[in-house]
């Protein structure tokens, strides 16, 4: 037996809360950020307006990071 892929839909009258998708992180050039692995840095470049990837200068090196930015936070 295999489970068929079912899309669950939330009914407005349901007593259970619908899942809320967390807002997407947006970064701009010049933002100070911290990364769990790389440390403190500054956003140098943002590819596209939809944050396809960001180039961050961490002092000793530059890293190109792509979403989801789970380990990176804006200061």
C-alpha atoms as a PDB file:
ATOM      1  CA  UNK A   1       0.000   0.000   0.000  1.00  0.00           C
ATOM      2  CA  UNK A   2       1.265   3.414  -0.890  1.00  0.00           C
ATOM      3  CA  UNK A   3      -0.142   6.725   0.179  1.00  0.00           C
ATOM      4  CA  UNK A   4      -1.498   8.837  -2.605  1.00  0.00           C
ATOM      5  CA  UNK A   5      -0.395  12.470  -2.598  1.00  0.00           C
ATOM      6  CA  UNK A   6      -3.332  14.388  -1.196  1.00  0.00           C
ATOM      7  CA  UNK A   7      -3.493  18.144  -0.932  1.00  0.00           C
ATOM      8  CA  UNK A   8      -5.107  19.078   2.341  1.00  0.00           C
ATOM      9  CA  UNK A   9      -7.302  22.110   2.326  1.00  0.00           C
ATOM     10  CA  UNK A  10      -8.326  24.105   5.343  1.00  0.00           C
ATOM     11  CA  UNK A  11     -12.016  24.739   5.845  1.00  0.00           C
ATOM     12  CA  UNK A  12     -12.954  28.144   7.285  1.00  0.00           C
ATOM     13  CA  UNK A  13     -15.227  26.479   9.849  1.00  0.00           C
ATOM     14  CA  UNK A  14     -12.519  24.133  11.121  1.00  0.00           C
ATOM     15  CA  UNK A  15     -11.525  24.542  14.784  1.00  0.00           C
ATOM     16  CA  UNK A  16      -7.910  23.743  13.855  1.00  0.00           C
ATOM     17  CA  UNK A  17      -5.579  26.458  12.651  1.00  0.00           C
ATOM     18  CA  UNK A  18      -4.242  26.324   9.119  1.00  0.00           C
ATOM     19  CA  UNK A  19      -0.487  26.060   8.647  1.00  0.00           C
ATOM     20  CA  UNK A  20       1.067  29.446   8.195  1.00  0.00           C
ATOM     21  CA  UNK A  21       4.015  29.680   5.834  1.00  0.00           C
ATOM     22  CA  UNK A  22       6.801  31.746   7.396  1.00  0.00           C
ATOM     23  CA  UNK A  23       7.660  34.956   5.522  1.00  0.00           C
ATOM     24  CA  UNK A  24      10.575  34.735   3.110  1.00  0.00           C
ATOM     25  CA  UNK A  25      13.754  36.422   4.231  1.00  0.00           C
ATOM     26  CA  UNK A  26      14.686  39.453   2.128  1.00  0.00           C
ATOM     27  CA  UNK A  27      18.179  40.917   2.078  1.00  0.00           C
ATOM     28  CA  UNK A  28      19.477  44.125   0.510  1.00  0.00           C
ATOM     29  CA  UNK A  29      22.977  45.289  -0.395  1.00  0.00           C
ATOM     30  CA  UNK A  30      24.692  46.645   2.710  1.00  0.00           C
ATOM     31  CA  UNK A  31      22.708  44.605   5.252  1.00  0.00           C
ATOM     32  CA  UNK A  32      24.732  43.279   8.184  1.00  0.00           C
ATOM     33  CA  UNK A  33      24.091  39.565   8.706  1.00  0.00           C
ATOM     34  CA  UNK A  34      25.181  36.719  10.908  1.00  0.00           C
ATOM     35  CA  UNK A  35      25.529  33.137   9.734  1.00  0.00           C
ATOM     36  CA  UNK A  36      25.715  30.102  12.016  1.00  0.00           C
ATOM     37  CA  UNK A  37      28.667  28.618  10.116  1.00  0.00           C
ATOM     38  CA  UNK A  38      30.499  31.642   8.629  1.00  0.00           C
ATOM     39  CA  UNK A  39      29.965  34.306  11.315  1.00  0.00           C
ATOM     40  CA  UNK A  40      29.399  38.049  10.811  1.00  0.00           C
ATOM     41  CA  UNK A  41      29.235  39.538   7.342  1.00  0.00           C
ATOM     42  CA  UNK A  42      27.806  42.166   5.009  1.00  0.00           C
ATOM     43  CA  UNK A  43      25.647  41.588   1.931  1.00  0.00           C
ATOM     44  CA  UNK A  44      27.652  42.668  -1.139  1.00  0.00           C
ATOM     45  CA  UNK A  45      25.320  41.644  -3.969  1.00  0.00           C
ATOM     46  CA  UNK A  46      21.748  40.400  -4.396  1.00  0.00           C
ATOM     47  CA  UNK A  47      20.925  38.393  -7.511  1.00  0.00           C
ATOM     48  CA  UNK A  48      17.532  39.451  -8.891  1.00  0.00           C
ATOM     49  CA  UNK A  49      14.871  41.250  -6.877  1.00  0.00           C
ATOM     50  CA  UNK A  50      13.417  37.982  -5.611  1.00  0.00           C
ATOM     51  CA  UNK A  51      16.594  37.066  -3.682  1.00  0.00           C
ATOM     52  CA  UNK A  52      17.640  34.138  -5.864  1.00  0.00           C
ATOM     53  CA  UNK A  53      21.027  34.264  -4.141  1.00  0.00           C
ATOM     54  CA  UNK A  54      23.080  36.704  -2.094  1.00  0.00           C
ATOM     55  CA  UNK A  55      26.816  37.295  -2.046  1.00  0.00           C
ATOM     56  CA  UNK A  56      28.051  37.920   1.494  1.00  0.00           C
ATOM     57  CA  UNK A  57      31.492  39.213   2.497  1.00  0.00           C
ATOM     58  CA  UNK A  58      32.586  37.506   5.723  1.00  0.00           C
ATOM     59  CA  UNK A  59      35.931  39.320   5.915  1.00  0.00           C
ATOM     60  CA  UNK A  60      38.307  36.530   4.977  1.00  0.00           C
ATOM     61  CA  UNK A  61      36.109  35.160   2.183  1.00  0.00           C
ATOM     62  CA  UNK A  62      32.973  35.808   0.154  1.00  0.00           C
ATOM     63  CA  UNK A  63      30.190  33.232  -0.001  1.00  0.00           C
ATOM     64  CA  UNK A  64      27.267  32.933  -2.421  1.00  0.00           C
ATOM     65  CA  UNK A  65      24.274  31.719  -0.425  1.00  0.00           C
ATOM     66  CA  UNK A  66      20.936  30.519  -1.790  1.00  0.00           C
ATOM     67  CA  UNK A  67      17.503  30.179  -0.130  1.00  0.00           C
ATOM     68  CA  UNK A  68      16.325  29.006   2.267  1.00  0.00           C
ATOM     69  CA  UNK A  69      18.438  31.190   4.493  1.00  0.00           C
ATOM     70  CA  UNK A  70      17.782  29.074   7.593  1.00  0.00           C
ATOM     71  CA  UNK A  71      21.206  29.731   9.122  1.00  0.00           C
ATOM     72  CA  UNK A  72      21.461  33.444   8.199  1.00  0.00           C
ATOM     73  CA  UNK A  73      19.845  36.306  10.077  1.00  0.00           C
ATOM     74  CA  UNK A  74      19.742  40.056   9.519  1.00  0.00           C
ATOM     75  CA  UNK A  75      21.203  42.181  12.336  1.00  0.00           C
END
